[in-house]
N, C-alpha and C. Protein backbone atom coordinates (compact mmCIF):
# COMPACT_ATOMS: atom_id res chain seq x y z
N MET A 1 6.69 -6.24 13.65
CA MET A 1 7.19 -6.24 12.30
C MET A 1 7.02 -4.84 11.73
N ARG A 2 7.98 -4.44 10.93
CA ARG A 2 7.94 -3.10 10.34
C ARG A 2 7.85 -3.20 8.82
N LEU A 3 6.90 -2.45 8.26
CA LEU A 3 6.77 -2.34 6.81
C LEU A 3 7.22 -0.94 6.40
N ASP A 4 7.81 -0.89 5.21
CA ASP A 4 8.30 0.38 4.67
C ASP A 4 7.66 0.60 3.30
N PHE A 5 6.72 1.52 3.24
CA PHE A 5 6.00 1.82 2.00
C PHE A 5 6.63 2.98 1.24
N ASN A 6 7.90 3.28 1.51
CA ASN A 6 8.57 4.41 0.88
C ASN A 6 9.20 4.10 -0.47
N PHE A 7 8.81 3.01 -1.09
CA PHE A 7 9.37 2.73 -2.42
C PHE A 7 8.47 3.33 -3.49
N ASN A 8 9.10 3.72 -4.58
CA ASN A 8 8.36 4.36 -5.67
C ASN A 8 7.78 3.34 -6.62
N ILE A 9 6.65 3.68 -7.21
CA ILE A 9 6.02 2.85 -8.23
C ILE A 9 6.89 2.91 -9.48
N LYS A 10 7.11 1.76 -10.10
CA LYS A 10 7.97 1.66 -11.29
C LYS A 10 7.14 1.29 -12.52
N ASP A 11 7.65 1.69 -13.69
CA ASP A 11 7.04 1.24 -14.94
C ASP A 11 7.66 -0.10 -15.32
N LEU A 12 7.29 -0.63 -16.46
CA LEU A 12 7.79 -1.94 -16.88
C LEU A 12 9.29 -1.97 -17.12
N SER A 13 9.89 -0.82 -17.37
CA SER A 13 11.33 -0.74 -17.59
C SER A 13 12.10 -0.52 -16.29
N GLY A 14 11.38 -0.38 -15.18
CA GLY A 14 12.03 -0.17 -13.90
C GLY A 14 12.27 1.28 -13.54
N ASN A 15 11.73 2.18 -14.33
CA ASN A 15 11.85 3.61 -14.05
C ASN A 15 10.70 4.08 -13.16
N ASP A 16 10.98 5.09 -12.34
CA ASP A 16 9.92 5.65 -11.51
C ASP A 16 8.78 6.17 -12.38
N VAL A 17 7.55 5.89 -11.98
CA VAL A 17 6.39 6.49 -12.62
C VAL A 17 6.26 7.89 -12.04
N LEU A 18 6.13 8.87 -12.92
CA LEU A 18 6.09 10.26 -12.49
C LEU A 18 4.68 10.84 -12.64
N GLU A 19 4.36 11.70 -11.69
CA GLU A 19 3.11 12.46 -11.76
C GLU A 19 3.48 13.90 -11.48
N GLN A 20 3.26 14.77 -12.43
CA GLN A 20 3.66 16.16 -12.34
C GLN A 20 5.15 16.28 -12.01
N GLY A 21 5.95 15.40 -12.63
CA GLY A 21 7.39 15.45 -12.48
C GLY A 21 7.94 14.80 -11.21
N LYS A 22 7.09 14.23 -10.38
CA LYS A 22 7.53 13.63 -9.13
C LYS A 22 7.20 12.14 -9.11
N ALA A 23 8.12 11.36 -8.52
CA ALA A 23 7.89 9.93 -8.35
C ALA A 23 6.72 9.71 -7.41
N ILE A 24 6.01 8.61 -7.63
CA ILE A 24 4.83 8.29 -6.82
C ILE A 24 5.20 7.19 -5.82
N PRO A 25 5.25 7.55 -4.52
CA PRO A 25 5.60 6.53 -3.53
C PRO A 25 4.39 5.65 -3.21
N MET A 26 4.68 4.38 -2.93
CA MET A 26 3.62 3.44 -2.57
C MET A 26 2.87 3.91 -1.33
N LYS A 27 3.54 4.60 -0.43
CA LYS A 27 2.86 5.05 0.80
C LYS A 27 1.65 5.92 0.46
N ASN A 28 1.76 6.76 -0.57
CA ASN A 28 0.63 7.61 -0.96
C ASN A 28 -0.52 6.79 -1.51
N ILE A 29 -0.17 5.83 -2.36
CA ILE A 29 -1.21 5.01 -2.99
C ILE A 29 -1.90 4.13 -1.97
N PHE A 30 -1.10 3.46 -1.13
CA PHE A 30 -1.70 2.49 -0.22
C PHE A 30 -2.47 3.17 0.92
N SER A 31 -1.96 4.26 1.45
CA SER A 31 -2.69 4.93 2.54
C SER A 31 -4.03 5.45 2.04
N ASN A 32 -4.07 5.95 0.80
CA ASN A 32 -5.34 6.40 0.23
C ASN A 32 -6.27 5.24 -0.09
N ALA A 33 -5.70 4.12 -0.53
CA ALA A 33 -6.52 2.94 -0.82
C ALA A 33 -7.20 2.42 0.44
N LEU A 34 -6.50 2.48 1.56
CA LEU A 34 -7.07 1.99 2.82
C LEU A 34 -8.38 2.69 3.17
N ILE A 35 -8.49 3.95 2.83
CA ILE A 35 -9.70 4.71 3.19
C ILE A 35 -10.64 4.91 2.01
N SER A 36 -10.37 4.18 0.94
CA SER A 36 -11.20 4.27 -0.26
C SER A 36 -12.48 3.45 -0.08
N PRO A 37 -13.60 3.93 -0.62
CA PRO A 37 -14.83 3.15 -0.56
C PRO A 37 -14.73 1.86 -1.37
N ALA A 38 -13.72 1.74 -2.23
CA ALA A 38 -13.54 0.51 -3.01
C ALA A 38 -13.11 -0.66 -2.12
N VAL A 39 -12.52 -0.34 -0.96
CA VAL A 39 -12.08 -1.38 -0.03
C VAL A 39 -13.21 -1.66 0.94
N LYS A 40 -13.85 -2.78 0.75
CA LYS A 40 -15.06 -3.12 1.53
C LYS A 40 -14.74 -3.93 2.79
N ILE A 41 -13.53 -4.48 2.89
CA ILE A 41 -13.19 -5.34 4.02
C ILE A 41 -12.47 -4.54 5.11
N GLY A 42 -12.55 -5.04 6.33
CA GLY A 42 -11.83 -4.44 7.45
C GLY A 42 -12.62 -3.37 8.17
N ASP A 43 -12.25 -3.18 9.42
CA ASP A 43 -12.86 -2.17 10.27
C ASP A 43 -12.44 -0.77 9.82
N VAL A 44 -13.37 0.13 9.69
CA VAL A 44 -13.11 1.48 9.19
C VAL A 44 -12.11 2.22 10.09
N LEU A 45 -12.29 2.14 11.39
CA LEU A 45 -11.40 2.85 12.29
C LEU A 45 -9.98 2.27 12.26
N LYS A 46 -9.88 0.96 12.14
CA LYS A 46 -8.56 0.32 12.05
C LYS A 46 -7.87 0.74 10.75
N LYS A 47 -8.63 0.77 9.64
CA LYS A 47 -8.05 1.19 8.36
C LYS A 47 -7.63 2.66 8.42
N TRP A 48 -8.43 3.49 9.05
CA TRP A 48 -8.10 4.92 9.16
C TRP A 48 -6.81 5.10 9.95
N SER A 49 -6.69 4.41 11.07
CA SER A 49 -5.48 4.50 11.90
C SER A 49 -4.25 4.01 11.13
N LEU A 50 -4.39 2.91 10.45
CA LEU A 50 -3.28 2.36 9.66
C LEU A 50 -2.89 3.32 8.54
N ALA A 51 -3.88 3.89 7.86
CA ALA A 51 -3.62 4.85 6.79
C ALA A 51 -2.87 6.07 7.31
N GLN A 52 -3.25 6.57 8.47
CA GLN A 52 -2.56 7.72 9.06
C GLN A 52 -1.12 7.39 9.39
N ARG A 53 -0.88 6.20 9.95
CA ARG A 53 0.48 5.81 10.31
C ARG A 53 1.35 5.63 9.07
N ILE A 54 0.81 5.05 8.02
CA ILE A 54 1.56 4.86 6.78
C ILE A 54 1.83 6.21 6.11
N ASP A 55 0.82 7.06 6.08
CA ASP A 55 0.96 8.36 5.42
C ASP A 55 1.98 9.25 6.11
N LYS A 56 2.15 9.09 7.41
CA LYS A 56 3.05 9.96 8.18
C LYS A 56 4.48 9.91 7.64
N ASP A 57 5.06 8.72 7.55
CA ASP A 57 6.43 8.65 7.04
C ASP A 57 6.72 7.38 6.24
N GLY A 58 5.69 6.61 5.94
CA GLY A 58 5.85 5.41 5.12
C GLY A 58 6.25 4.18 5.90
N LEU A 59 6.71 4.37 7.13
CA LEU A 59 7.10 3.25 7.98
C LEU A 59 5.99 2.96 8.96
N VAL A 60 5.70 1.68 9.15
CA VAL A 60 4.64 1.33 10.09
C VAL A 60 4.98 0.01 10.78
N ASP A 61 4.86 0.02 12.09
CA ASP A 61 5.00 -1.21 12.87
C ASP A 61 3.64 -1.86 12.95
N ILE A 62 3.58 -3.13 12.60
CA ILE A 62 2.30 -3.83 12.55
C ILE A 62 2.41 -5.17 13.26
N ASP A 63 1.23 -5.73 13.55
CA ASP A 63 1.17 -7.08 14.09
C ASP A 63 0.64 -8.00 12.99
N GLU A 64 0.48 -9.26 13.32
CA GLU A 64 0.03 -10.24 12.32
C GLU A 64 -1.37 -9.92 11.79
N ALA A 65 -2.25 -9.39 12.64
CA ALA A 65 -3.60 -9.03 12.21
C ALA A 65 -3.55 -7.91 11.17
N ASP A 66 -2.70 -6.90 11.42
CA ASP A 66 -2.54 -5.81 10.45
C ASP A 66 -1.97 -6.34 9.13
N LEU A 67 -0.97 -7.22 9.22
CA LEU A 67 -0.38 -7.78 8.01
C LEU A 67 -1.42 -8.57 7.21
N SER A 68 -2.24 -9.32 7.91
CA SER A 68 -3.30 -10.09 7.24
C SER A 68 -4.26 -9.15 6.51
N LEU A 69 -4.67 -8.07 7.17
CA LEU A 69 -5.57 -7.10 6.55
C LEU A 69 -4.91 -6.44 5.34
N ILE A 70 -3.66 -6.05 5.47
CA ILE A 70 -2.93 -5.42 4.38
C ILE A 70 -2.86 -6.36 3.18
N LYS A 71 -2.57 -7.62 3.43
CA LYS A 71 -2.49 -8.59 2.33
C LYS A 71 -3.85 -8.82 1.68
N GLN A 72 -4.90 -8.84 2.49
CA GLN A 72 -6.25 -9.00 1.92
C GLN A 72 -6.60 -7.82 1.02
N ILE A 73 -6.29 -6.63 1.48
CA ILE A 73 -6.58 -5.43 0.69
C ILE A 73 -5.73 -5.42 -0.58
N ALA A 74 -4.48 -5.81 -0.46
CA ALA A 74 -3.59 -5.84 -1.63
C ALA A 74 -4.11 -6.81 -2.70
N ASN A 75 -4.84 -7.83 -2.29
CA ASN A 75 -5.38 -8.82 -3.23
C ASN A 75 -6.77 -8.47 -3.74
N GLU A 76 -7.37 -7.41 -3.24
CA GLU A 76 -8.70 -7.01 -3.67
C GLU A 76 -8.70 -6.60 -5.14
N LYS A 77 -9.74 -6.98 -5.84
CA LYS A 77 -9.90 -6.57 -7.23
C LYS A 77 -10.48 -5.15 -7.27
N ASP A 78 -10.13 -4.41 -8.30
CA ASP A 78 -10.69 -3.08 -8.55
C ASP A 78 -10.27 -2.02 -7.54
N VAL A 79 -9.20 -2.27 -6.78
CA VAL A 79 -8.69 -1.25 -5.87
C VAL A 79 -7.45 -0.59 -6.47
N PHE A 80 -6.59 -1.39 -7.08
CA PHE A 80 -5.34 -0.91 -7.66
C PHE A 80 -5.28 -1.26 -9.14
N VAL A 81 -4.56 -0.45 -9.89
CA VAL A 81 -4.26 -0.85 -11.26
C VAL A 81 -3.27 -2.01 -11.17
N PRO A 82 -3.25 -2.92 -12.15
CA PRO A 82 -2.41 -4.11 -12.06
C PRO A 82 -0.93 -3.84 -11.78
N ALA A 83 -0.35 -2.81 -12.36
CA ALA A 83 1.07 -2.53 -12.13
C ALA A 83 1.34 -2.19 -10.67
N VAL A 84 0.46 -1.44 -10.05
CA VAL A 84 0.62 -1.09 -8.64
C VAL A 84 0.36 -2.31 -7.77
N GLN A 85 -0.69 -3.03 -8.07
CA GLN A 85 -1.03 -4.22 -7.29
C GLN A 85 0.10 -5.24 -7.33
N ALA A 86 0.69 -5.46 -8.49
CA ALA A 86 1.78 -6.42 -8.62
C ALA A 86 2.98 -6.00 -7.77
N GLN A 87 3.33 -4.73 -7.81
CA GLN A 87 4.48 -4.26 -7.02
C GLN A 87 4.22 -4.35 -5.53
N LEU A 88 3.00 -4.07 -5.13
CA LEU A 88 2.63 -4.18 -3.72
C LEU A 88 2.68 -5.64 -3.27
N LEU A 89 2.11 -6.53 -4.07
CA LEU A 89 2.12 -7.96 -3.71
C LEU A 89 3.54 -8.52 -3.67
N LEU A 90 4.40 -8.12 -4.60
CA LEU A 90 5.79 -8.58 -4.58
C LEU A 90 6.50 -8.10 -3.31
N TYR A 91 6.26 -6.86 -2.93
CA TYR A 91 6.85 -6.34 -1.69
C TYR A 91 6.36 -7.14 -0.49
N LEU A 92 5.05 -7.33 -0.39
CA LEU A 92 4.50 -8.06 0.76
C LEU A 92 4.97 -9.51 0.80
N ASP A 93 5.14 -10.12 -0.36
CA ASP A 93 5.65 -11.49 -0.41
C ASP A 93 7.11 -11.57 0.07
N SER A 94 7.83 -10.46 -0.01
CA SER A 94 9.23 -10.47 0.43
C SER A 94 9.35 -10.33 1.95
N ILE A 95 8.25 -10.00 2.62
CA ILE A 95 8.24 -9.84 4.07
C ILE A 95 8.14 -11.21 4.72
N LYS A 96 9.05 -11.49 5.58
CA LYS A 96 9.02 -12.78 6.28
C LYS A 96 8.77 -12.59 7.74
């Protein structure tokens, strides 16, 4: 299964959220979250490898174990601001 984290974070009106004039892609947020000390679950080396693959180009081929870990992290409290977490969860829910 392939995930694509190359979508930009949106505000409530559907516009790209900008930082220093540039849109913020989910790949940047999620790859950094994977290696954040706020994420207490999962194997460190597995998270590091996954973060590197996502950061490279936003596309990542994963198996069911990776998807399960990604969904667990996406549901963690205090890792993402609610707007980012909601967009991430909506994307993951669209994956079949």
